[in-house]
Each structure stands twice: as C-alpha cells, then as structure tokens.
Protein backbone atom coordinates (compact mmCIF):
# COMPACT_ATOMS: atom_id res chain seq x y z
CA UNK A 1 -0.06 12.64 2.50
CA UNK A 2 0.77 13.40 -1.11
CA UNK A 3 2.04 10.40 -3.11
CA UNK A 4 3.96 10.44 -6.41
CA UNK A 5 3.02 7.70 -8.90
CA UNK A 6 5.40 7.30 -11.82
CA UNK A 7 5.81 5.10 -14.92
CA UNK A 8 2.06 5.04 -15.46
CA UNK A 9 0.67 3.78 -18.76
CA UNK A 10 -0.32 6.79 -20.87
CA UNK A 11 -3.91 5.51 -20.89
CA UNK A 12 -4.26 5.84 -17.08
CA UNK A 13 -7.03 8.20 -15.97
CA UNK A 14 -7.62 10.01 -12.70
CA UNK A 15 -10.48 7.57 -12.03
CA UNK A 16 -8.01 4.67 -12.45
CA UNK A 17 -5.70 6.23 -9.84
CA UNK A 18 -8.63 6.74 -7.45
CA UNK A 19 -9.66 3.10 -7.87
CA UNK A 20 -6.11 1.84 -7.35
CA UNK A 21 -5.61 3.77 -4.09
CA UNK A 22 -9.18 3.67 -2.71
CA UNK A 23 -8.55 0.42 -0.82
CA UNK A 24 -6.08 2.41 1.33
CA UNK A 25 -8.68 4.90 2.53
CA UNK A 26 -10.23 8.13 1.41
CA UNK A 27 -8.61 9.57 -1.71
CA UNK A 28 -8.71 13.35 -1.27
CA UNK A 29 -7.42 13.97 -4.79
CA UNK A 30 -5.97 12.14 -7.77
CA UNK A 31 -4.32 13.82 -10.73
CA UNK A 32 -2.63 12.53 -13.89
CA UNK A 33 -0.17 15.16 -15.14
CA UNK A 34 -0.63 16.07 -18.79
CA UNK A 35 1.47 17.91 -21.33
CA UNK A 36 0.35 21.52 -21.51
CA UNK A 37 0.48 21.66 -25.30
CA UNK A 38 -0.74 18.23 -26.40
CA UNK A 39 -2.98 17.30 -23.46
CA UNK A 40 -1.47 13.80 -23.42
CA UNK A 41 -0.48 12.09 -20.18
CA UNK A 42 3.15 12.55 -19.16
CA UNK A 43 3.13 9.12 -17.48
CA UNK A 44 2.98 10.23 -13.87
CA UNK A 45 0.55 11.61 -11.34
CA UNK A 46 -0.18 12.38 -7.72
CA UNK A 47 -2.62 10.94 -5.21
CA UNK A 48 -3.47 12.49 -1.87
CA UNK A 49 -4.67 10.17 0.90
CA UNK A 50 -6.28 11.41 4.09
CA UNK A 51 -4.58 8.95 6.48
CA UNK A 52 -0.77 9.07 6.54
CA UNK A 53 -0.45 5.58 8.03
CA UNK A 54 -2.53 4.08 5.22
CA UNK A 55 -0.55 6.12 2.68
CA UNK A 56 2.64 4.41 3.91
CA UNK A 57 0.89 1.05 3.39
CA UNK A 58 -0.05 2.07 -0.16
CA UNK A 59 3.53 3.11 -0.94
CA UNK A 60 4.90 -0.16 0.42
CA UNK A 61 2.31 -2.35 -1.34
CA UNK A 62 2.06 -0.59 -4.71
CA UNK A 63 5.67 0.40 -5.43
CA UNK A 64 6.72 -1.90 -8.28
CA UNK A 65 3.18 -3.21 -8.84
CA UNK A 66 2.13 -3.89 -12.42
CA UNK A 67 -0.48 -1.54 -13.88
CA UNK A 68 -1.40 -1.84 -17.54
CA UNK A 69 1.76 -3.83 -18.29
CA UNK A 70 4.12 -1.36 -16.57
CA UNK A 71 5.71 -1.50 -13.13
CA UNK A 72 4.73 1.71 -11.39
CA UNK A 73 6.95 3.73 -9.06
CA UNK A 74 5.21 4.89 -5.87
CA UNK A 75 6.76 7.10 -3.20
CA UNK A 76 6.08 10.10 -1.02
CA UNK A 77 5.93 13.23 -3.16
CA UNK A 78 8.65 15.78 -2.48
CA UNK A 79 7.70 19.46 -2.43
CA UNK A 80 8.62 21.49 -5.48
CA UNK A 81 11.67 23.71 -5.13
C-alpha cells in the first residue's frame, strides 16, 4: 500500500521516513518529494509498505503524530489523475 505523509519538517530524509515506518513491516520504498529547481524538500513524501493490514495500522497510529516539532498527516495515497 502506498501512503502519503504530509506536513513533514523540511529536514526529513528518506532514511527518516524508513525508520518511522519500519516498525510496521517491510518498507518497500520511501521518498521525500523535492522541488525540481531548488532540490529542497516540499514537506511531503510517500512510503510503500508491503503488508496492507500493517499499513492501515501505520496510518491510524501515525496520523497527527509529532515529527520534528510538526504534526504529520498520514493517509492512503490517492492515484494521480
């Protein structure tokens, strides 16, 4: 399952996302989205977990959790249109 993670501190790295979600199972991928021109974080990212049931646990447990002084938004990623 692909999970959207928003309101991330701009200092968050892909390794930080992996660490945060690793207790919920195997992290297939973790990406922090960056600005194409500046290379700076845009404050959100995506995490893909292998087990859907554990991904639901991660969404429930981590939505609103504090990371680096900010309350993150965690939900199931919607496909691009």
